[in-house]
N, C-alpha and C. Protein backbone atom coordinates (compact mmCIF):
# COMPACT_ATOMS: atom_id res chain seq x y z
N MET A 1 -12.10 -3.79 11.41
CA MET A 1 -13.36 -2.64 12.55
C MET A 1 -12.47 -1.27 10.50
N GLU A 2 -12.87 -0.16 10.71
CA GLU A 2 -13.19 0.09 9.91
C GLU A 2 -13.13 1.88 9.86
N ILE A 3 -12.25 2.19 8.78
CA ILE A 3 -11.89 3.65 9.14
C ILE A 3 -11.43 4.60 7.36
N SER A 4 -12.87 5.43 7.68
CA SER A 4 -13.11 6.47 6.57
C SER A 4 -12.65 7.86 5.98
N ASN A 5 -12.36 8.21 5.45
CA ASN A 5 -12.16 9.51 5.76
C ASN A 5 -13.20 10.27 4.43
N GLN A 6 -14.91 9.50 3.92
CA GLN A 6 -14.81 10.08 2.50
C GLN A 6 -15.36 11.22 3.16
N LYS A 7 -16.34 11.86 3.79
CA LYS A 7 -16.68 12.93 3.61
C LYS A 7 -15.73 14.26 4.55
N ARG A 8 -14.44 13.55 4.73
CA ARG A 8 -13.58 15.14 4.90
C ARG A 8 -12.79 14.67 3.43
N SER A 9 -13.23 13.95 3.06
CA SER A 9 -11.85 13.90 1.66
C SER A 9 -13.46 15.13 0.85
N LYS A 10 -14.31 14.85 0.71
CA LYS A 10 -15.02 15.72 -0.24
C LYS A 10 -15.63 16.71 0.31
N GLN A 11 -14.91 17.25 1.02
CA GLN A 11 -14.97 18.64 1.86
C GLN A 11 -14.08 19.12 0.83
N ILE A 12 -12.53 18.36 1.85
CA ILE A 12 -11.21 18.78 0.86
C ILE A 12 -12.24 19.59 -0.80
N LYS A 13 -12.51 19.22 -1.39
CA LYS A 13 -11.90 18.80 -2.52
C LYS A 13 -12.71 19.52 -2.83
N GLN A 14 -14.46 19.93 -2.60
CA GLN A 14 -15.04 21.09 -2.57
C GLN A 14 -14.82 22.83 -2.50
N ILE A 15 -13.40 23.05 -1.18
CA ILE A 15 -13.03 23.56 -0.80
C ILE A 15 -11.71 23.90 -1.15
N PHE A 16 -11.09 23.07 -2.42
CA PHE A 16 -10.12 23.10 -3.33
C PHE A 16 -10.52 24.14 -5.13
N ASN A 17 -11.64 23.15 -5.75
CA ASN A 17 -12.70 23.85 -6.20
C ASN A 17 -12.68 24.90 -6.36
N ILE A 18 -12.90 25.87 -5.01
CA ILE A 18 -14.19 26.95 -5.02
C ILE A 18 -13.08 27.75 -4.58
N THR A 19 -12.08 27.37 -4.40
CA THR A 19 -11.05 27.92 -4.43
C THR A 19 -10.03 28.43 -5.36
N GLY A 20 -10.07 28.12 -6.32
CA GLY A 20 -9.46 27.40 -7.67
C GLY A 20 -10.09 28.75 -8.89
N VAL A 21 -11.29 28.13 -8.31
CA VAL A 21 -12.18 29.09 -9.26
C VAL A 21 -12.81 30.61 -9.33
N VAL A 22 -12.30 31.07 -8.16
CA VAL A 22 -12.11 32.08 -7.25
C VAL A 22 -10.91 32.41 -7.63
N VAL A 23 -9.87 32.05 -6.88
CA VAL A 23 -8.30 33.30 -8.14
C VAL A 23 -8.73 32.84 -9.17
N VAL A 24 -8.84 31.57 -10.14
CA VAL A 24 -9.44 31.94 -11.94
C VAL A 24 -10.05 32.67 -12.16
N LEU A 25 -10.82 33.10 -11.65
CA LEU A 25 -12.55 34.46 -11.66
C LEU A 25 -11.47 36.37 -11.36
N VAL A 26 -10.99 35.57 -10.39
CA VAL A 26 -10.06 36.60 -9.95
C VAL A 26 -9.01 37.38 -11.53
N GLY A 27 -8.33 36.48 -11.60
CA GLY A 27 -7.32 36.88 -12.52
C GLY A 27 -8.18 36.99 -14.16
N LEU A 28 -8.94 36.47 -14.35
CA LEU A 28 -9.41 37.24 -16.03
C LEU A 28 -9.68 38.31 -15.42
N VAL A 29 -10.74 38.98 -13.78
CA VAL A 29 -11.04 40.49 -14.11
C VAL A 29 -10.11 41.00 -13.85
N LEU A 30 -8.42 41.06 -13.81
CA LEU A 30 -8.00 41.89 -13.67
C LEU A 30 -6.64 41.40 -14.97
N LEU A 31 -7.08 40.48 -15.43
CA LEU A 31 -6.63 40.42 -16.70
C LEU A 31 -7.82 41.23 -17.84
N TRP A 32 -8.77 41.27 -17.88
CA TRP A 32 -9.56 42.80 -18.55
C TRP A 32 -9.86 43.61 -18.01
N LEU A 33 -9.24 43.35 -16.92
CA LEU A 33 -9.45 45.62 -16.62
C LEU A 33 -7.34 45.66 -17.26
N LYS A 34 -6.65 45.18 -17.97
CA LYS A 34 -5.45 45.19 -18.09
C LYS A 34 -4.17 45.89 -17.22
N ASN A 35 -4.69 45.27 -16.32
CA ASN A 35 -3.03 45.27 -15.00
C ASN A 35 -2.66 43.88 -15.19
N ASP A 36 -1.59 44.19 -16.13
CA ASP A 36 -1.25 42.62 -16.41
C ASP A 36 -0.57 42.40 -15.06
N LEU A 37 0.55 43.19 -14.36
CA LEU A 37 0.90 42.78 -13.34
C LEU A 37 0.10 41.73 -12.34
N ALA A 38 -0.19 42.33 -12.50
CA ALA A 38 -1.45 41.95 -11.01
C ALA A 38 -2.11 40.57 -11.24
N PHE A 39 -2.09 40.25 -12.87
CA PHE A 39 -2.71 38.93 -13.24
C PHE A 39 -2.01 38.14 -13.24
N PHE A 40 -0.64 38.25 -13.88
CA PHE A 40 1.01 37.20 -13.25
C PHE A 40 0.86 36.80 -12.05
N ILE A 41 0.95 37.76 -11.51
CA ILE A 41 0.58 36.97 -9.49
C ILE A 41 -0.29 36.35 -9.26
N THR A 42 -1.25 36.33 -9.81
CA THR A 42 -2.59 35.73 -9.95
C THR A 42 -2.97 34.06 -9.94
N ALA A 43 -1.68 34.50 -11.47
CA ALA A 43 -1.74 32.44 -11.60
C ALA A 43 -0.40 32.30 -11.68
N GLY A 44 0.78 33.16 -10.72
CA GLY A 44 1.04 32.13 -10.12
C GLY A 44 0.97 32.05 -9.14
N ILE A 45 0.12 32.89 -7.88
CA ILE A 45 -0.30 32.13 -6.75
C ILE A 45 -1.26 31.39 -7.89
N PHE A 46 -2.02 30.70 -8.68
CA PHE A 46 -2.04 29.68 -8.33
C PHE A 46 -1.90 28.45 -8.98
N ALA A 47 -0.55 29.03 -9.51
CA ALA A 47 0.15 27.47 -9.97
C ALA A 47 0.65 27.20 -8.69
N ALA A 48 1.19 28.16 -7.70
CA ALA A 48 1.33 27.93 -6.66
C ALA A 48 0.93 26.31 -5.20
N TYR A 49 -0.91 27.02 -5.87
CA TYR A 49 -1.63 26.90 -5.15
C TYR A 49 -1.60 25.33 -5.27
N VAL A 50 -1.99 25.13 -6.85
CA VAL A 50 -1.73 23.67 -7.47
C VAL A 50 -1.14 22.94 -7.88
N GLY A 51 0.07 23.29 -7.73
CA GLY A 51 1.19 22.35 -6.63
C GLY A 51 1.01 22.52 -5.05
N ILE A 52 1.57 22.72 -4.94
CA ILE A 52 0.94 22.70 -2.39
C ILE A 52 0.25 20.92 -3.60
N ALA A 53 -1.15 21.86 -3.65
CA ALA A 53 -2.57 20.28 -3.69
C ALA A 53 -1.98 19.04 -3.79
N GLN A 54 -1.21 18.89 -5.37
CA GLN A 54 -0.56 18.20 -5.50
C GLN A 54 0.75 17.77 -4.71
N PHE A 55 1.48 18.22 -3.89
CA PHE A 55 2.97 18.00 -3.15
C PHE A 55 2.34 17.42 -1.85
N ALA A 56 1.18 17.80 -1.60
CA ALA A 56 0.96 17.43 -0.40
C ALA A 56 -0.34 16.00 -0.19
N ASN A 57 -0.40 15.53 -2.07
CA ASN A 57 -1.26 13.74 -2.02
C ASN A 57 -1.93 13.27 -0.28
N LEU A 58 -3.14 14.17 -0.81
CA LEU A 58 -4.03 14.36 -0.20
C LEU A 58 -5.36 13.30 -0.58
N CYS A 59 -4.71 12.10 0.74
CA CYS A 59 -5.73 11.01 -0.06
C CYS A 59 -7.25 10.94 0.40
N TYR A 60 -7.85 9.78 -0.31
CA TYR A 60 -9.85 9.60 0.19
C TYR A 60 -8.44 7.80 0.73
N VAL A 61 -9.21 7.42 2.89
CA VAL A 61 -8.46 6.24 2.66
C VAL A 61 -9.76 5.47 2.60
N ASN A 62 -9.92 4.01 2.76
CA ASN A 62 -10.73 3.52 4.00
C ASN A 62 -10.00 2.07 4.57
N PHE A 63 -9.59 2.37 5.52
CA PHE A 63 -9.06 1.63 6.35
C PHE A 63 -9.47 0.39 6.43
N SER A 64 -9.66 -0.81 6.22
CA SER A 64 -10.03 -1.94 6.67
C SER A 64 -9.86 -2.91 7.58
N ALA A 65 -10.31 -3.14 9.27
CA ALA A 65 -9.36 -4.00 9.74
C ALA A 65 -10.09 -6.13 10.20
N GLY A 66 -10.05 -6.94 10.03
CA GLY A 66 -11.12 -7.65 10.48
C GLY A 66 -11.38 -9.41 10.06
N ASP A 67 -12.27 -10.02 10.04
CA ASP A 67 -11.70 -11.57 9.70
C ASP A 67 -10.26 -11.91 8.31
N GLY A 68 -9.23 -11.75 10.22
CA GLY A 68 -7.98 -12.48 9.76
C GLY A 68 -7.44 -11.69 8.53
N LYS A 69 -8.04 -10.48 8.16
CA LYS A 69 -6.74 -9.41 6.44
C LYS A 69 -6.86 -7.95 6.38
N ILE A 70 -6.18 -7.57 6.13
CA ILE A 70 -6.12 -5.67 6.12
C ILE A 70 -6.17 -5.70 5.33
N LEU A 71 -7.50 -4.12 4.84
CA LEU A 71 -7.53 -3.94 3.31
C LEU A 71 -7.59 -2.03 3.50
N ILE A 72 -7.03 -1.80 2.64
CA ILE A 72 -6.13 -0.04 2.34
C ILE A 72 -6.06 0.30 0.79
N ARG A 73 -7.63 0.29 1.00
CA ARG A 73 -7.70 1.94 -0.09
C ARG A 73 -8.10 3.03 -0.77
N TYR A 74 -7.44 3.36 -1.39
CA TYR A 74 -7.31 5.05 -1.44
C TYR A 74 -7.58 5.38 -3.00
N TYR A 75 -7.35 6.85 -2.85
CA TYR A 75 -7.06 7.61 -4.20
C TYR A 75 -6.88 9.16 -3.68
N PRO A 76 -6.41 10.14 -4.30
CA PRO A 76 -6.12 11.07 -4.40
C PRO A 76 -7.00 11.60 -4.76
N VAL A 77 -7.31 12.72 -4.06
CA VAL A 77 -8.13 13.88 -3.03
C VAL A 77 -8.66 14.30 -4.54
N ILE A 78 -7.11 15.24 -4.53
CA ILE A 78 -6.84 16.18 -5.68
C ILE A 78 -5.62 15.79 -6.64
N SER A 79 -6.36 15.72 -8.00
CA SER A 79 -5.65 14.94 -8.81
C SER A 79 -5.76 15.80 -10.20
N ILE A 80 -5.20 16.43 -10.53
CA ILE A 80 -5.03 17.06 -12.33
C ILE A 80 -5.33 16.03 -13.19
N LEU A 81 -4.38 15.30 -13.38
CA LEU A 81 -4.74 14.43 -14.83
C LEU A 81 -5.74 14.15 -14.71
N LYS A 82 -4.61 12.90 -13.52
CA LYS A 82 -5.18 11.25 -13.41
C LYS A 82 -6.29 10.75 -12.27
N LYS A 83 -7.05 10.03 -11.78
CA LYS A 83 -7.29 9.10 -10.22
C LYS A 83 -6.52 7.94 -10.83
N GLU A 84 -5.30 8.39 -9.53
CA GLU A 84 -4.95 6.50 -9.10
C GLU A 84 -5.22 6.28 -7.97
N TYR A 85 -6.19 5.05 -8.69
CA TYR A 85 -7.19 3.83 -7.59
C TYR A 85 -5.77 3.46 -7.00
N GLY A 86 -5.66 3.29 -5.86
CA GLY A 86 -4.78 1.98 -4.50
C GLY A 86 -5.62 1.10 -3.93
N SER A 87 -5.18 -0.59 -3.69
CA SER A 87 -6.06 -1.11 -3.07
C SER A 87 -4.39 -1.93 -2.68
N ILE A 88 -4.13 -2.35 -1.58
CA ILE A 88 -3.36 -2.84 -0.92
C ILE A 88 -4.72 -4.90 -0.09
N GLU A 89 -4.34 -5.46 0.56
CA GLU A 89 -4.88 -6.15 1.16
C GLU A 89 -3.87 -7.50 1.11
N PHE A 90 -3.97 -8.03 2.25
CA PHE A 90 -2.56 -8.98 2.68
C PHE A 90 -3.87 -9.46 4.26
N PRO A 91 -3.58 -10.44 4.73
CA PRO A 91 -3.51 -11.01 6.10
C PRO A 91 -2.85 -10.64 6.69
N GLU A 92 -3.81 -10.55 8.37
CA GLU A 92 -3.22 -10.07 9.60
C GLU A 92 -1.79 -10.55 9.31
N GLN A 93 -2.01 -11.78 9.32
CA GLN A 93 -0.47 -12.48 9.93
C GLN A 93 0.77 -12.36 9.48
N MET A 94 1.00 -11.82 7.79
CA MET A 94 1.56 -11.38 6.75
C MET A 94 2.66 -9.88 7.52
N LEU A 95 1.63 -9.09 8.01
CA LEU A 95 2.28 -7.78 8.79
C LEU A 95 3.14 -7.86 9.39
N VAL A 96 4.43 -7.56 9.26
CA VAL A 96 6.09 -7.37 10.36
C VAL A 96 6.71 -6.49 10.49
N ASP A 97 6.10 -5.22 9.69
CA ASP A 97 6.60 -3.74 10.95
C ASP A 97 5.20 -3.15 9.93
N PHE A 98 5.36 -1.52 10.61
CA PHE A 98 5.09 -0.64 9.52
C PHE A 98 4.89 1.14 10.88
N LYS A 99 4.88 1.93 9.77
CA LYS A 99 6.02 3.38 9.99
C LYS A 99 4.46 4.49 9.73
N ILE A 100 4.33 5.21 11.06
CA ILE A 100 2.89 6.41 9.97
C ILE A 100 4.49 7.01 10.54
N GLU A 101 5.22 8.15 8.94
CA GLU A 101 5.73 8.77 9.26
C GLU A 101 5.27 10.17 9.27
N LYS A 102 5.57 10.88 10.14
CA LYS A 102 5.20 12.50 9.37
C LYS A 102 6.55 13.90 9.25
N SER A 103 6.20 14.83 8.71
CA SER A 103 7.09 15.49 8.73
C SER A 103 6.05 16.79 7.79
N MET A 104 6.24 17.83 7.75
CA MET A 104 5.51 19.38 6.65
C MET A 104 4.53 19.43 7.28
N GLY A 105 3.92 18.14 8.27
CA GLY A 105 2.19 18.33 9.03
C GLY A 105 1.43 17.28 7.88
N LEU A 106 2.37 16.51 6.94
CA LEU A 106 1.88 15.06 6.10
C LEU A 106 2.00 14.57 6.72
N ALA A 107 1.17 13.50 6.48
CA ALA A 107 1.78 11.92 7.32
C ALA A 107 1.96 11.13 5.99
N ASP A 108 2.74 10.11 6.34
CA ASP A 108 2.36 8.59 4.82
C ASP A 108 2.38 7.67 5.73
N LEU A 109 2.00 6.53 4.88
CA LEU A 109 1.83 4.89 6.16
C LEU A 109 2.57 3.88 5.34
N ASN A 110 3.73 4.16 5.75
CA ASN A 110 4.64 2.94 5.02
C ASN A 110 4.46 0.92 5.71
N ILE A 111 4.68 0.51 4.92
CA ILE A 111 3.83 -1.39 5.33
C ILE A 111 4.90 -2.02 5.07
N VAL A 112 5.24 -3.21 5.70
CA VAL A 112 6.32 -4.00 5.00
C VAL A 112 5.56 -5.37 5.71
N ILE A 113 5.99 -6.12 5.30
CA ILE A 113 4.84 -7.88 5.40
C ILE A 113 5.51 -9.60 4.51
N ARG A 114 5.59 -10.09 5.28
CA ARG A 114 6.41 -11.15 5.55
C ARG A 114 6.03 -11.80 3.85
N THR A 115 6.19 -12.05 2.94
CA THR A 115 5.09 -13.10 1.89
C THR A 115 6.96 -14.43 1.28
N LYS A 116 6.78 -15.15 1.20
CA LYS A 116 6.72 -16.94 0.45
C LYS A 116 8.56 -16.39 -0.16
N ARG A 117 8.95 -15.47 -0.16
CA ARG A 117 9.79 -14.00 -1.30
C ARG A 117 10.91 -13.92 -0.39
N GLY A 118 11.01 -13.58 1.02
CA GLY A 118 10.76 -12.18 2.45
C GLY A 118 9.74 -11.40 1.82
N ILE A 119 10.56 -10.72 2.54
CA ILE A 119 10.51 -9.19 3.43
C ILE A 119 10.19 -7.93 1.94
N ALA A 120 8.36 -7.88 1.43
CA ALA A 120 8.28 -6.09 0.94
C ALA A 120 7.53 -5.53 1.54
N GLU A 121 7.46 -4.41 1.06
CA GLU A 121 7.44 -3.23 1.25
C GLU A 121 6.43 -2.38 0.55
N TYR A 122 5.33 -2.20 0.85
CA TYR A 122 4.60 -1.41 -0.25
C TYR A 122 4.77 -0.11 -0.73
N PRO A 123 3.99 0.61 -1.49
CA PRO A 123 4.48 1.81 -1.40
C PRO A 123 3.94 3.06 -0.22
N SER A 124 4.07 3.56 0.30
CA SER A 124 3.75 5.08 0.96
C SER A 124 2.22 5.78 0.69
N ILE A 125 1.45 5.17 1.58
CA ILE A 125 0.23 6.64 1.47
C ILE A 125 -0.01 7.10 2.10
N SER A 126 -0.72 8.07 1.43
CA SER A 126 -1.01 9.51 2.52
C SER A 126 -1.61 9.83 3.34
N LEU A 127 -1.31 9.87 4.51
CA LEU A 127 -2.49 9.61 5.74
C LEU A 127 -3.11 11.14 6.45
N SER A 128 -2.75 12.19 5.02
CA SER A 128 -2.57 13.38 5.26
C SER A 128 -4.49 14.22 5.13
N ALA A 129 -4.76 13.59 5.29
CA ALA A 129 -6.38 13.70 4.40
C ALA A 129 -7.37 13.70 6.14
N LEU A 130 -6.79 12.61 6.69
CA LEU A 130 -7.27 11.77 7.75
C LEU A 130 -7.22 12.91 9.17
N ARG A 131 -7.76 12.77 10.06
CA ARG A 131 -7.90 13.22 11.51
C ARG A 131 -7.10 12.42 12.26
N LYS A 132 -5.93 13.25 13.45
CA LYS A 132 -5.47 12.85 13.67
C LYS A 132 -5.55 12.08 15.04
N ALA A 133 -7.26 11.61 15.32
CA ALA A 133 -7.57 10.60 16.01
C ALA A 133 -8.20 9.26 14.96
N GLU A 134 -8.19 9.89 13.68
CA GLU A 134 -8.10 8.14 12.87
C GLU A 134 -6.81 8.33 12.62
N ILE A 135 -5.53 8.91 12.30
CA ILE A 135 -4.34 8.27 12.13
C ILE A 135 -4.00 7.67 13.77
N GLU A 136 -4.25 7.48 14.65
CA GLU A 136 -4.03 6.69 15.91
C GLU A 136 -5.03 5.85 15.78
N GLN A 137 -6.13 5.84 15.43
CA GLN A 137 -6.54 4.53 15.44
C GLN A 137 -6.01 3.83 14.79
N ILE A 138 -5.65 4.02 13.61
CA ILE A 138 -5.23 3.08 12.30
C ILE A 138 -3.29 2.36 12.78
N ARG A 139 -3.03 2.98 13.30
CA ARG A 139 -1.82 3.14 14.49
C ARG A 139 -2.09 1.65 15.92
N ASP A 140 -2.52 1.81 16.65
CA ASP A 140 -3.30 1.22 17.52
C ASP A 140 -3.58 -0.59 16.77
N ILE A 141 -4.79 -0.18 15.92
CA ILE A 141 -4.44 -1.43 15.40
C ILE A 141 -3.80 -2.17 14.67
N LEU A 142 -3.03 -1.82 14.20
CA LEU A 142 -1.83 -2.39 13.17
C LEU A 142 -0.74 -2.48 14.42
N THR A 143 -0.70 -1.64 14.98
CA THR A 143 0.46 -2.12 16.16
C THR A 143 -0.17 -3.13 17.14
N ASP A 144 -1.50 -3.14 16.66
CA ASP A 144 -2.66 -4.69 18.00
C ASP A 144 -1.51 -6.43 16.93
N ILE A 145 -2.13 -5.81 16.56
CA ILE A 145 -1.88 -7.09 15.00
C ILE A 145 0.05 -7.11 14.74
N LYS A 146 0.14 -6.25 14.73
CA LYS A 146 2.08 -6.61 14.69
C LYS A 146 2.53 -7.87 16.63
N HIS A 147 1.82 -6.61 17.27
CA HIS A 147 2.50 -7.22 18.36
C HIS A 147 2.03 -9.17 18.52
N ILE A 148 0.38 -9.04 18.02
CA ILE A 148 0.16 -10.42 18.56
C ILE A 148 0.98 -11.13 17.56
N ASN A 149 1.69 -11.10 16.24
CA ASN A 149 2.03 -11.35 15.00
C ASN A 149 3.26 -12.19 15.08
N ARG A 150 4.14 -10.85 16.28
CA ARG A 150 5.34 -11.00 16.88
C ARG A 150 5.25 -11.94 18.25
N LYS A 151 4.00 -12.40 18.88
CA LYS A 151 3.94 -13.51 20.18
C LYS A 151 3.81 -15.25 19.31
N GLY A 152 3.54 -14.59 18.10
CA GLY A 152 2.77 -15.77 17.71
C GLY A 152 4.72 -16.71 16.48
N ALA A 153 5.06 -15.31 16.12
CA ALA A 153 6.19 -16.13 15.28
C ALA A 153 6.93 -16.94 16.53
């Protein structure tokens, strides 16, 4: 099964870009009108807007489970400096545990697998740009795989 938020990621990026351009244009108009206080407030709003977007770490996520392996590809939708593409791939039998942690309206996926050297935990993946139903689908798939692995162990 494959779950992807490609369409939603494009919408988020478009909204972010359009809103950012509008705020910058408002700031330039205020600067041109020599309204310094309003300009600095607008600049602060823009900085906070970009900072919150970076903190939220909204990611494009492509989750695929099937053929005995799990594949997750992800990268930040809104990135100021560079995009860091990430990919996780492992056999389903290696899944030991996972957590979907939610706080302040954001969701992160943490995956724990068993390797030849012991237990390993992947860095968390932001699921905040996915819809609730998509997050629940991922939870259900990983729960099923986890239960199958426990029965087999």
